[in-house]
N, C-alpha and C. Protein backbone atom coordinates (compact mmCIF):
# COMPACT_ATOMS: atom_id res chain seq x y z
N MET A 1 -126.93 -98.95 64.46
CA MET A 1 -127.60 -98.43 65.41
C MET A 1 -127.33 -97.40 67.04
N LEU A 2 -126.06 -98.79 67.18
CA LEU A 2 -125.22 -97.87 68.63
C LEU A 2 -123.90 -97.34 68.56
N GLY A 3 -124.52 -95.68 69.09
CA GLY A 3 -122.74 -94.90 68.48
C GLY A 3 -123.65 -94.18 67.12
N THR A 4 -124.25 -94.46 66.83
CA THR A 4 -125.23 -93.81 65.44
C THR A 4 -125.18 -92.28 65.95
N ARG A 5 -124.57 -91.31 65.01
CA ARG A 5 -124.37 -89.78 65.15
C ARG A 5 -125.80 -89.28 64.56
N ILE A 6 -126.88 -88.80 65.50
CA ILE A 6 -128.17 -87.70 64.85
C ILE A 6 -127.76 -86.21 65.00
N MET A 7 -128.26 -85.67 64.15
CA MET A 7 -128.90 -84.38 64.22
C MET A 7 -130.41 -84.53 64.46
N LEU A 8 -130.63 -83.78 65.54
CA LEU A 8 -132.13 -83.44 65.75
C LEU A 8 -132.54 -82.16 65.49
N ALA A 9 -133.16 -81.48 64.24
CA ALA A 9 -133.13 -80.80 64.06
C ALA A 9 -135.07 -80.01 64.23
N ASN A 10 -135.89 -79.24 65.62
CA ASN A 10 -136.48 -79.59 65.70
C ASN A 10 -136.93 -77.77 66.73
N ALA A 11 -137.96 -77.49 67.19
CA ALA A 11 -137.96 -76.48 67.14
C ALA A 11 -139.43 -76.46 68.09
N ASP A 12 -139.96 -77.85 68.17
CA ASP A 12 -141.11 -78.05 69.34
C ASP A 12 -140.46 -78.62 70.25
N LYS A 13 -141.07 -78.52 71.20
CA LYS A 13 -139.95 -78.68 72.54
C LYS A 13 -140.99 -79.72 72.97
N VAL A 14 -141.57 -80.54 72.65
CA VAL A 14 -142.78 -81.72 73.26
C VAL A 14 -142.02 -82.76 72.40
N LEU A 15 -141.96 -82.56 70.94
CA LEU A 15 -141.60 -83.71 70.51
C LEU A 15 -140.14 -83.42 70.17
N HIS A 16 -139.41 -82.48 70.27
CA HIS A 16 -137.51 -82.87 70.94
C HIS A 16 -137.96 -83.61 72.00
N GLN A 17 -138.23 -83.48 72.95
CA GLN A 17 -138.04 -84.23 74.30
C GLN A 17 -138.01 -85.76 73.93
N GLN A 18 -139.46 -86.05 72.94
CA GLN A 18 -139.90 -87.12 73.03
C GLN A 18 -138.82 -88.24 71.77
N LEU A 19 -138.14 -87.29 70.90
CA LEU A 19 -137.56 -87.83 69.84
C LEU A 19 -136.01 -88.38 70.84
N MET A 20 -135.17 -87.10 71.51
CA MET A 20 -134.37 -87.68 72.47
C MET A 20 -134.44 -89.10 73.04
N GLU A 21 -135.45 -89.11 73.78
CA GLU A 21 -135.46 -90.43 74.27
C GLU A 21 -135.49 -91.30 74.06
N ILE A 22 -136.18 -91.38 73.17
CA ILE A 22 -136.60 -92.84 71.62
C ILE A 22 -134.89 -92.98 71.21
N LEU A 23 -134.47 -92.06 71.26
CA LEU A 23 -133.23 -92.05 70.20
C LEU A 23 -131.95 -92.70 71.16
N GLN A 24 -132.26 -92.02 72.12
CA GLN A 24 -130.80 -92.33 73.36
C GLN A 24 -131.28 -93.64 73.82
N ARG A 25 -132.38 -93.60 74.21
CA ARG A 25 -132.97 -95.30 74.72
C ARG A 25 -132.29 -96.15 73.82
N SER A 26 -132.74 -96.06 72.52
CA SER A 26 -131.75 -96.75 71.52
C SER A 26 -130.33 -96.64 71.16
N GLY A 27 -129.33 -96.45 71.48
CA GLY A 27 -128.23 -96.16 71.69
C GLY A 27 -127.94 -95.16 70.74
N TYR A 28 -128.70 -94.18 70.20
CA TYR A 28 -128.14 -93.39 69.40
C TYR A 28 -127.73 -91.95 70.39
N VAL A 29 -126.75 -91.50 69.34
CA VAL A 29 -125.77 -89.85 70.31
C VAL A 29 -126.35 -88.86 69.36
N VAL A 30 -127.08 -88.55 70.11
CA VAL A 30 -127.54 -87.23 69.22
C VAL A 30 -126.65 -86.35 69.34
N VAL A 31 -125.82 -85.32 68.17
CA VAL A 31 -124.34 -84.46 68.63
C VAL A 31 -124.89 -83.05 68.19
N ALA A 32 -126.16 -82.74 68.01
CA ALA A 32 -126.60 -81.10 67.78
C ALA A 32 -128.21 -81.26 68.01
N GLU A 33 -128.70 -79.88 68.54
CA GLU A 33 -129.77 -79.85 68.54
C GLU A 33 -130.50 -78.40 67.75
N PRO A 34 -129.74 -78.75 66.44
CA PRO A 34 -130.31 -76.49 66.78
C PRO A 34 -132.08 -76.47 65.75
N ALA A 35 -132.35 -75.44 66.12
CA ALA A 35 -133.72 -74.77 66.34
C ALA A 35 -134.39 -74.20 65.33
N ASP A 36 -133.72 -74.17 64.29
CA ASP A 36 -134.06 -73.55 62.97
C ASP A 36 -133.07 -73.80 61.39
N ALA A 37 -133.32 -73.60 60.50
CA ALA A 37 -132.59 -74.09 59.27
C ALA A 37 -130.81 -73.48 59.19
N LYS A 38 -130.91 -72.20 59.06
CA LYS A 38 -129.51 -71.84 59.42
C LYS A 38 -128.56 -72.66 60.46
N ALA A 39 -129.28 -72.37 61.84
CA ALA A 39 -128.39 -72.72 62.46
C ALA A 39 -127.92 -74.89 62.52
N ALA A 40 -129.08 -74.83 61.53
CA ALA A 40 -129.09 -77.02 61.43
C ALA A 40 -127.87 -76.84 60.02
N LEU A 41 -127.91 -75.76 59.24
CA LEU A 41 -126.97 -75.97 58.32
C LEU A 41 -125.93 -75.99 58.36
N GLN A 42 -125.42 -75.03 59.66
CA GLN A 42 -124.18 -74.97 60.06
C GLN A 42 -123.70 -75.95 61.36
N GLU A 43 -124.60 -76.30 62.04
CA GLU A 43 -124.55 -77.80 62.58
C GLU A 43 -124.43 -78.94 61.95
N ALA A 44 -124.68 -79.43 61.12
CA ALA A 44 -124.81 -80.54 60.17
C ALA A 44 -122.97 -80.31 59.37
N LEU A 45 -122.72 -79.17 58.91
CA LEU A 45 -121.11 -78.70 58.38
C LEU A 45 -120.28 -79.58 59.11
N LYS A 46 -120.57 -78.81 60.70
CA LYS A 46 -119.69 -78.74 61.90
C LYS A 46 -119.45 -80.14 62.34
N TYR A 47 -120.89 -80.70 62.52
CA TYR A 47 -120.84 -82.27 62.94
C TYR A 47 -120.41 -83.76 62.42
N GLU A 48 -121.15 -83.00 61.00
CA GLU A 48 -121.12 -84.21 60.38
C GLU A 48 -121.75 -85.52 60.29
N PRO A 49 -123.59 -85.43 60.87
CA PRO A 49 -123.83 -86.89 61.67
C PRO A 49 -123.94 -87.62 60.57
N ASP A 50 -124.61 -88.87 61.22
CA ASP A 50 -125.16 -90.18 60.30
C ASP A 50 -126.15 -89.49 59.83
N VAL A 51 -127.26 -88.70 60.09
CA VAL A 51 -128.62 -88.85 60.03
C VAL A 51 -129.25 -87.75 60.75
N ILE A 52 -129.52 -86.98 59.92
CA ILE A 52 -130.33 -85.63 60.33
C ILE A 52 -131.87 -85.70 60.53
N VAL A 53 -132.07 -85.52 61.20
CA VAL A 53 -133.89 -85.63 61.50
C VAL A 53 -134.33 -84.17 61.83
N VAL A 54 -135.38 -83.82 61.15
CA VAL A 54 -135.87 -82.66 60.91
C VAL A 54 -137.69 -82.68 60.98
N ASP A 55 -137.89 -81.81 61.50
CA ASP A 55 -139.21 -81.13 61.78
C ASP A 55 -139.56 -80.66 60.32
N ASP A 56 -140.83 -80.59 60.13
CA ASP A 56 -140.67 -80.16 58.79
C ASP A 56 -141.36 -78.34 59.36
N ASN A 57 -141.45 -78.34 60.52
CA ASN A 57 -142.14 -76.68 60.90
C ASN A 57 -140.70 -76.38 61.27
N LEU A 58 -139.84 -76.66 60.56
CA LEU A 58 -138.37 -75.76 60.91
C LEU A 58 -138.49 -74.40 60.36
N PRO A 59 -138.13 -74.02 61.92
CA PRO A 59 -137.72 -71.87 61.42
C PRO A 59 -137.27 -71.86 60.29
N GLY A 60 -137.29 -71.82 58.60
CA GLY A 60 -136.18 -71.21 57.57
C GLY A 60 -136.29 -72.10 56.34
N GLY A 61 -137.56 -73.58 56.88
CA GLY A 61 -137.82 -73.90 55.95
C GLY A 61 -136.95 -75.33 55.73
N SER A 62 -137.14 -76.67 56.12
CA SER A 62 -137.08 -77.68 56.28
C SER A 62 -136.77 -78.61 54.67
N LEU A 63 -137.42 -78.41 53.67
CA LEU A 63 -137.46 -78.79 52.51
C LEU A 63 -136.47 -78.29 51.64
N MET A 64 -135.94 -76.84 51.85
CA MET A 64 -134.77 -76.49 51.34
C MET A 64 -133.59 -77.14 52.00
N PHE A 65 -133.45 -77.39 53.64
CA PHE A 65 -132.74 -77.54 54.12
C PHE A 65 -131.85 -78.64 53.86
N ALA A 66 -133.14 -79.70 53.85
CA ALA A 66 -132.77 -81.51 53.21
C ALA A 66 -131.77 -81.07 51.37
N GLY A 67 -132.85 -80.41 50.42
CA GLY A 67 -132.26 -80.41 49.67
C GLY A 67 -130.68 -79.86 49.51
N TYR A 68 -130.48 -78.57 50.08
CA TYR A 68 -128.79 -78.64 50.61
C TYR A 68 -127.99 -79.69 50.83
N ILE A 69 -128.44 -80.14 51.95
CA ILE A 69 -127.82 -81.04 52.72
C ILE A 69 -127.35 -82.75 51.43
N ARG A 70 -128.73 -82.93 50.92
CA ARG A 70 -128.28 -83.78 49.59
C ARG A 70 -127.42 -83.52 48.63
N GLU A 71 -127.25 -81.71 47.86
CA GLU A 71 -126.42 -81.76 47.10
C GLU A 71 -125.20 -81.69 47.59
N HIS A 72 -124.88 -81.76 48.99
CA HIS A 72 -123.86 -81.99 49.43
C HIS A 72 -123.12 -83.33 50.24
N ASN A 73 -123.78 -84.11 50.13
CA ASN A 73 -123.89 -85.67 50.49
C ASN A 73 -123.19 -85.86 51.87
N LEU A 74 -123.77 -84.78 52.72
CA LEU A 74 -123.46 -84.20 54.13
C LEU A 74 -124.35 -85.46 55.00
N ALA A 75 -125.63 -85.55 54.18
CA ALA A 75 -126.39 -87.23 55.45
C ALA A 75 -127.82 -87.04 55.02
N PRO A 76 -129.02 -88.55 55.24
CA PRO A 76 -129.54 -88.47 55.16
C PRO A 76 -130.46 -87.34 55.79
N VAL A 77 -131.61 -87.30 55.15
CA VAL A 77 -132.78 -86.52 56.08
C VAL A 77 -133.76 -87.41 56.74
N VAL A 78 -134.34 -87.46 57.74
CA VAL A 78 -135.88 -88.29 57.65
C VAL A 78 -136.90 -86.90 58.36
N LEU A 79 -137.83 -86.58 57.50
CA LEU A 79 -138.65 -85.56 57.97
C LEU A 79 -139.50 -85.94 59.08
N ILE A 80 -140.08 -85.36 59.84
CA ILE A 80 -140.98 -85.56 60.26
C ILE A 80 -142.13 -84.64 60.24
N THR A 81 -143.56 -85.14 59.95
CA THR A 81 -144.63 -84.08 59.33
C THR A 81 -145.61 -84.67 59.97
N SER A 82 -146.74 -83.88 59.51
CA SER A 82 -147.97 -84.67 60.46
C SER A 82 -149.03 -84.04 59.10
N TYR A 83 -148.10 -84.00 57.85
CA TYR A 83 -149.30 -83.51 56.46
C TYR A 83 -150.20 -85.35 56.18
N SER A 84 -150.83 -84.52 55.44
CA SER A 84 -152.04 -85.99 54.49
C SER A 84 -150.70 -86.86 53.84
N GLU A 85 -151.64 -87.82 53.39
CA GLU A 85 -150.81 -88.99 52.87
C GLU A 85 -150.30 -88.23 51.07
N LYS A 86 -151.09 -87.45 50.47
CA LYS A 86 -150.90 -86.57 49.67
C LYS A 86 -149.95 -85.72 49.26
N ASP A 87 -149.72 -84.90 50.60
CA ASP A 87 -148.85 -83.96 50.53
C ASP A 87 -146.99 -84.55 50.81
N MET A 88 -147.39 -85.60 51.17
CA MET A 88 -146.11 -86.84 51.96
C MET A 88 -145.51 -87.09 50.95
N MET A 89 -146.63 -87.44 49.33
CA MET A 89 -146.35 -88.02 48.36
C MET A 89 -145.24 -87.05 47.36
N GLU A 90 -145.45 -85.65 47.68
CA GLU A 90 -144.99 -84.73 47.21
C GLU A 90 -143.16 -84.59 48.10
N ILE A 91 -143.75 -84.60 49.24
CA ILE A 91 -142.58 -84.31 50.09
C ILE A 91 -141.52 -85.49 49.69
N SER A 92 -142.18 -87.09 49.58
CA SER A 92 -141.21 -87.59 49.14
C SER A 92 -140.42 -87.65 47.80
N ARG A 93 -140.74 -86.86 47.17
CA ARG A 93 -139.76 -86.39 46.09
C ARG A 93 -138.88 -85.41 45.89
N VAL A 94 -138.92 -84.70 47.03
CA VAL A 94 -137.56 -83.72 47.56
C VAL A 94 -136.50 -84.23 47.77
N PRO A 95 -135.61 -84.23 47.05
CA PRO A 95 -133.90 -84.41 46.65
C PRO A 95 -133.69 -84.41 48.57
N GLY A 96 -132.47 -85.38 49.01
CA GLY A 96 -132.39 -85.35 50.47
C GLY A 96 -133.38 -86.20 51.53
N ILE A 97 -134.47 -86.30 50.80
CA ILE A 97 -135.65 -86.74 52.15
C ILE A 97 -135.72 -88.31 51.89
N PHE A 98 -135.13 -89.12 52.86
CA PHE A 98 -134.79 -90.69 52.57
C PHE A 98 -135.72 -91.16 53.89
N GLY A 99 -136.75 -90.35 54.58
CA GLY A 99 -137.83 -91.05 54.82
C GLY A 99 -138.35 -90.00 55.86
N ILE A 100 -139.79 -90.48 56.07
CA ILE A 100 -140.83 -89.41 56.38
C ILE A 100 -141.27 -90.76 58.22
N ILE A 101 -141.35 -89.64 58.65
CA ILE A 101 -141.86 -90.24 59.97
C ILE A 101 -143.65 -89.04 60.32
N THR A 102 -144.49 -89.88 60.83
CA THR A 102 -145.37 -89.23 60.61
C THR A 102 -146.03 -88.43 62.33
N LYS A 103 -146.37 -87.76 62.62
CA LYS A 103 -146.71 -87.04 64.02
C LYS A 103 -148.35 -87.59 64.30
N PRO A 104 -148.71 -88.15 65.18
CA PRO A 104 -147.60 -88.04 66.43
C PRO A 104 -146.85 -89.71 66.40
N VAL A 105 -145.46 -89.26 67.23
CA VAL A 105 -144.03 -90.18 66.77
C VAL A 105 -144.52 -91.60 67.98
N HIS A 106 -143.98 -92.06 66.61
CA HIS A 106 -144.00 -93.70 68.28
C HIS A 106 -142.84 -94.31 67.41
N GLU A 107 -142.17 -94.90 68.86
CA GLU A 107 -140.86 -95.59 68.62
C GLU A 107 -140.58 -96.43 67.72
N SER A 108 -141.56 -97.22 67.60
CA SER A 108 -141.69 -98.17 66.71
C SER A 108 -141.48 -97.88 65.09
N TYR A 109 -141.79 -96.89 65.04
CA TYR A 109 -141.69 -96.39 63.76
C TYR A 109 -140.69 -95.87 63.50
N VAL A 110 -140.25 -94.72 64.50
CA VAL A 110 -138.86 -93.89 64.17
C VAL A 110 -137.74 -94.78 64.02
N LEU A 111 -137.82 -95.88 64.74
CA LEU A 111 -136.51 -96.86 64.47
C LEU A 111 -135.85 -97.16 63.37
N PRO A 112 -136.48 -97.58 62.88
CA PRO A 112 -136.47 -98.30 61.56
C PRO A 112 -136.52 -97.58 60.08
N VAL A 113 -136.92 -96.33 60.07
CA VAL A 113 -137.44 -95.30 59.30
C VAL A 113 -135.72 -94.57 58.73
N VAL A 114 -135.09 -94.59 60.39
CA VAL A 114 -133.77 -93.93 60.30
C VAL A 114 -132.91 -94.97 59.80
N GLU A 115 -132.84 -96.07 60.70
CA GLU A 115 -132.20 -97.00 59.62
C GLU A 115 -132.49 -97.14 58.38
N VAL A 116 -133.17 -97.12 57.92
CA VAL A 116 -133.70 -97.34 56.27
C VAL A 116 -132.98 -96.31 56.01
N ALA A 117 -133.03 -94.57 56.21
CA ALA A 117 -132.61 -93.95 55.46
C ALA A 117 -131.20 -93.81 55.62
N ILE A 118 -130.10 -94.08 56.62
CA ILE A 118 -129.17 -94.15 56.71
C ILE A 118 -128.53 -95.37 55.38
N ASN A 119 -129.20 -96.51 55.68
CA ASN A 119 -128.12 -97.34 54.26
C ASN A 119 -128.69 -97.01 52.94
N ALA A 120 -129.70 -96.55 52.75
CA ALA A 120 -129.99 -95.93 51.65
C ALA A 120 -128.87 -95.05 51.53
N PHE A 121 -129.05 -93.98 52.19
CA PHE A 121 -127.78 -93.22 51.48
C PHE A 121 -126.66 -93.61 51.23
N ASN A 122 -126.12 -93.88 52.22
CA ASN A 122 -124.46 -95.44 51.90
C ASN A 122 -124.56 -96.25 50.97
N ASN A 123 -125.89 -96.45 50.80
CA ASN A 123 -125.70 -97.12 49.55
C ASN A 123 -125.92 -96.53 48.12
N ILE A 124 -126.21 -95.12 48.41
CA ILE A 124 -126.21 -94.61 46.91
C ILE A 124 -124.64 -93.32 47.18
N LEU A 125 -124.10 -93.35 47.98
CA LEU A 125 -122.81 -93.20 48.28
C LEU A 125 -121.84 -93.94 47.89
N SER A 126 -121.90 -95.81 48.06
CA SER A 126 -120.84 -96.39 47.36
C SER A 126 -121.18 -96.59 45.95
N LEU A 127 -122.34 -96.51 45.54
CA LEU A 127 -122.98 -95.95 43.71
C LEU A 127 -121.96 -95.14 43.29
N GLU A 128 -122.07 -93.75 43.90
CA GLU A 128 -121.64 -92.60 43.48
C GLU A 128 -120.34 -93.14 43.13
N ARG A 129 -119.78 -93.33 43.98
CA ARG A 129 -117.92 -93.51 44.34
C ARG A 129 -117.48 -94.57 42.96
N GLU A 130 -118.77 -95.78 43.23
CA GLU A 130 -117.79 -96.92 42.13
C GLU A 130 -118.57 -95.92 40.80
N ILE A 131 -119.41 -95.31 40.06
CA ILE A 131 -119.36 -94.77 39.34
C ILE A 131 -118.07 -94.04 38.99
N LYS A 132 -117.79 -93.22 40.05
CA LYS A 132 -116.75 -92.43 39.64
C LYS A 132 -115.51 -92.72 38.83
N LYS A 133 -115.44 -93.67 39.69
CA LYS A 133 -114.47 -94.93 39.60
C LYS A 133 -114.27 -94.94 37.71
N TYR A 134 -115.48 -95.75 37.84
CA TYR A 134 -115.69 -95.97 36.29
C TYR A 134 -115.48 -95.04 35.37
N LYS A 135 -116.02 -94.14 35.40
CA LYS A 135 -115.50 -92.70 34.84
C LYS A 135 -114.11 -92.65 34.59
N GLN A 136 -113.70 -92.55 35.96
CA GLN A 136 -112.06 -92.32 35.64
C GLN A 136 -111.16 -93.51 34.91
N GLU A 137 -111.51 -94.66 35.08
CA GLU A 137 -111.25 -95.67 34.05
C GLU A 137 -111.25 -95.06 33.05
N LEU A 138 -112.41 -95.34 32.22
CA LEU A 138 -113.13 -94.74 31.29
C LEU A 138 -112.46 -93.68 30.80
N GLU A 139 -112.14 -92.70 31.02
CA GLU A 139 -111.38 -91.93 30.63
C GLU A 139 -109.69 -91.92 30.20
N ASN A 140 -109.12 -92.84 31.18
CA ASN A 140 -108.07 -93.60 31.45
C ASN A 140 -107.77 -94.23 30.28
N ARG A 141 -108.40 -95.20 30.24
CA ARG A 141 -108.47 -96.01 28.85
C ARG A 141 -108.39 -95.63 26.97
N LYS A 142 -109.80 -93.74 27.41
CA LYS A 142 -109.43 -93.45 26.07
C LYS A 142 -108.44 -92.75 25.97
N LEU A 143 -107.43 -92.04 27.39
CA LEU A 143 -105.94 -91.64 26.98
C LEU A 143 -105.29 -92.53 26.14
N LEU A 144 -105.18 -94.18 26.46
CA LEU A 144 -104.41 -94.81 26.18
C LEU A 144 -104.54 -95.19 24.74
N GLU A 145 -106.02 -95.27 24.37
CA GLU A 145 -106.32 -95.60 23.24
C GLU A 145 -105.46 -94.46 22.08
N ARG A 146 -105.93 -93.01 22.37
CA ARG A 146 -105.49 -91.91 21.64
C ARG A 146 -104.10 -91.75 21.69
N ALA A 147 -103.21 -92.59 22.86
CA ALA A 147 -102.18 -92.18 21.99
C ALA A 147 -101.36 -93.26 21.48
N LYS A 148 -101.99 -94.55 21.59
CA LYS A 148 -101.45 -95.54 21.26
C LYS A 148 -101.71 -95.18 19.53
N GLY A 149 -103.02 -94.70 19.21
CA GLY A 149 -103.48 -94.06 17.83
C GLY A 149 -102.51 -93.16 17.46
N LEU A 150 -102.01 -92.26 17.66
CA LEU A 150 -101.24 -91.57 17.79
C LEU A 150 -99.49 -92.00 17.42
N LEU A 151 -99.72 -92.43 18.27
CA LEU A 151 -98.15 -93.62 17.96
C LEU A 151 -98.52 -94.91 16.42
N MET A 152 -99.07 -95.20 16.60
CA MET A 152 -99.27 -96.37 15.24
C MET A 152 -99.41 -95.65 13.89
N ASP A 153 -99.87 -94.14 13.91
CA ASP A 153 -100.35 -93.16 12.78
C ASP A 153 -99.30 -92.47 12.46
N ARG A 154 -98.24 -91.98 13.37
CA ARG A 154 -96.69 -90.66 13.44
C ARG A 154 -95.90 -91.75 13.38
N ARG A 155 -95.43 -93.18 14.30
CA ARG A 155 -94.07 -93.76 14.08
C ARG A 155 -94.34 -95.34 13.47
N SER A 156 -95.61 -95.67 13.03
CA SER A 156 -96.03 -96.82 12.28
C SER A 156 -95.79 -97.59 12.67
N MET A 157 -96.31 -97.67 14.18
CA MET A 157 -96.31 -99.05 15.06
C MET A 157 -97.39 -99.93 14.91
N SER A 158 -97.75 -100.99 15.47
CA SER A 158 -98.63 -101.96 15.41
C SER A 158 -99.46 -101.08 16.92
N GLU A 159 -100.46 -101.51 17.00
CA GLU A 159 -101.41 -101.81 18.26
C GLU A 159 -100.37 -102.74 19.60
N SER A 160 -100.02 -103.70 19.34
CA SER A 160 -99.42 -104.10 20.26
C SER A 160 -98.06 -103.80 20.61
N GLU A 161 -97.32 -102.98 19.48
CA GLU A 161 -96.09 -102.31 19.72
C GLU A 161 -96.71 -101.21 20.51
N ALA A 162 -97.08 -100.00 19.92
CA ALA A 162 -97.89 -99.45 21.15
C ALA A 162 -97.50 -99.16 22.10
N PHE A 163 -98.12 -100.25 22.70
CA PHE A 163 -98.87 -100.57 23.89
C PHE A 163 -97.99 -100.57 24.22
N ARG A 164 -97.10 -101.78 24.19
CA ARG A 164 -95.66 -102.64 24.71
C ARG A 164 -94.81 -100.76 25.10
N TYR A 165 -94.90 -100.21 23.67
CA TYR A 165 -93.70 -98.96 24.13
C TYR A 165 -94.25 -98.04 25.13
N MET A 166 -95.61 -97.41 25.06
CA MET A 166 -96.09 -96.72 26.60
C MET A 166 -95.54 -97.78 27.68
N GLN A 167 -96.18 -99.29 27.84
CA GLN A 167 -95.83 -99.96 29.45
C GLN A 167 -94.24 -100.02 29.49
N LYS A 168 -93.16 -99.58 28.79
CA LYS A 168 -92.39 -99.92 28.77
C LYS A 168 -91.88 -98.55 29.53
N ILE A 169 -92.15 -97.62 28.98
CA ILE A 169 -91.46 -96.20 29.52
C ILE A 169 -92.34 -95.77 31.13
N SER A 170 -93.27 -96.49 30.89
CA SER A 170 -94.16 -96.41 32.56
C SER A 170 -93.16 -97.44 33.35
N MET A 171 -93.19 -98.16 33.55
CA MET A 171 -91.82 -99.06 34.14
C MET A 171 -90.59 -98.59 34.18
N ASP A 172 -89.99 -98.27 33.13
CA ASP A 172 -88.72 -97.82 33.43
C ASP A 172 -88.57 -96.69 34.41
N LYS A 173 -90.00 -95.42 33.85
CA LYS A 173 -89.75 -94.22 34.60
C LYS A 173 -90.51 -94.45 36.16
N CYS A 174 -91.02 -95.57 36.33
CA CYS A 174 -92.13 -95.43 37.68
C CYS A 174 -93.22 -94.60 37.27
N ILE A 175 -93.43 -94.51 36.33
CA ILE A 175 -94.65 -93.52 36.56
C ILE A 175 -96.28 -94.30 35.71
N PRO A 176 -97.31 -93.86 35.90
CA PRO A 176 -98.26 -94.27 35.66
C PRO A 176 -98.31 -94.28 34.09
N ILE A 177 -98.93 -95.08 33.38
CA ILE A 177 -99.15 -95.38 32.23
C ILE A 177 -100.46 -94.29 31.55
N THR A 178 -101.32 -93.74 32.22
CA THR A 178 -102.10 -92.70 31.60
C THR A 178 -101.00 -90.99 31.53
N LYS A 179 -99.98 -90.82 32.51
CA LYS A 179 -99.63 -89.92 32.39
C LYS A 179 -98.56 -90.50 31.40
N VAL A 180 -97.70 -91.44 30.77
CA VAL A 180 -97.32 -91.56 30.04
C VAL A 180 -97.98 -90.92 28.42
N ALA A 181 -99.00 -92.06 28.49
CA ALA A 181 -100.05 -91.83 27.20
C ALA A 181 -100.35 -90.27 27.31
N LYS A 182 -100.44 -89.04 28.44
CA LYS A 182 -100.81 -88.06 28.30
C LYS A 182 -99.21 -87.04 27.80
N ASN A 183 -98.36 -87.72 28.14
CA ASN A 183 -96.77 -87.14 27.34
C ASN A 183 -97.03 -87.62 26.02
N ILE A 184 -96.80 -88.57 25.59
CA ILE A 184 -97.14 -88.88 24.18
C ILE A 184 -98.24 -87.89 23.65
N ILE A 185 -99.29 -87.96 23.70
CA ILE A 185 -100.68 -86.92 23.41
C ILE A 185 -99.97 -85.38 22.38
N VAL A 186 -99.36 -84.97 23.80
CA VAL A 186 -98.59 -83.76 23.70
C VAL A 186 -97.64 -83.69 23.13
N LYS A 187 -96.66 -84.33 23.20
CA LYS A 187 -95.57 -84.14 22.24
C LYS A 187 -95.76 -84.47 20.27
N LEU A 188 -96.69 -85.57 20.31
CA LEU A 188 -96.98 -86.03 19.10
C LEU A 188 -97.91 -85.12 18.53
N GLN A 189 -98.79 -84.29 19.31
CA GLN A 189 -99.75 -83.16 18.66
C GLN A 189 -99.08 -82.28 18.41
N LYS A 190 -97.38 -82.09 18.68
CA LYS A 190 -97.26 -80.65 18.54
C LYS A 190 -96.80 -81.13 17.19
N GLN A 191 -96.30 -82.07 17.02
CA GLN A 191 -95.43 -82.59 15.50
C GLN A 191 -96.18 -82.19 13.91
């Protein structure tokens, strides 16, 4: 909470002032205060806030803005709305919306929603990094298997001999074994 950087995108001056007081009193740092979607996008890219609180009546389109923010993994968006429960169900399905605060705004609702949004967003980013890491590991494993297969087929090596051969080249030349595997694949496919 303390020092969390917030962008507050809102055209309603009364609501804006109320939110500013709530957030600053709780230790949040408001880094940008755009009044329309275009300015909000520019400010989000410039300041990279930890969370973006957006009024649903933001000129230029708050939901499109939220989608763009999510598409680029910039920050979680918390939407402030006066819509009915049915409308909120639809809004909650919009990519990028990580929390909804209903009007009139109460401090006891704002802070938990903001914190949950930040934590959910960070968890998603962490999972996306893990997925990317595992995909890379899988690709590396496929390269090694393909290179081993070519060595076994074209050089009549056993699987363990092929792996040790690549491992030795990797250690002798101080290069990653995946690079050795790529070189072997290129060389043996030409033959």
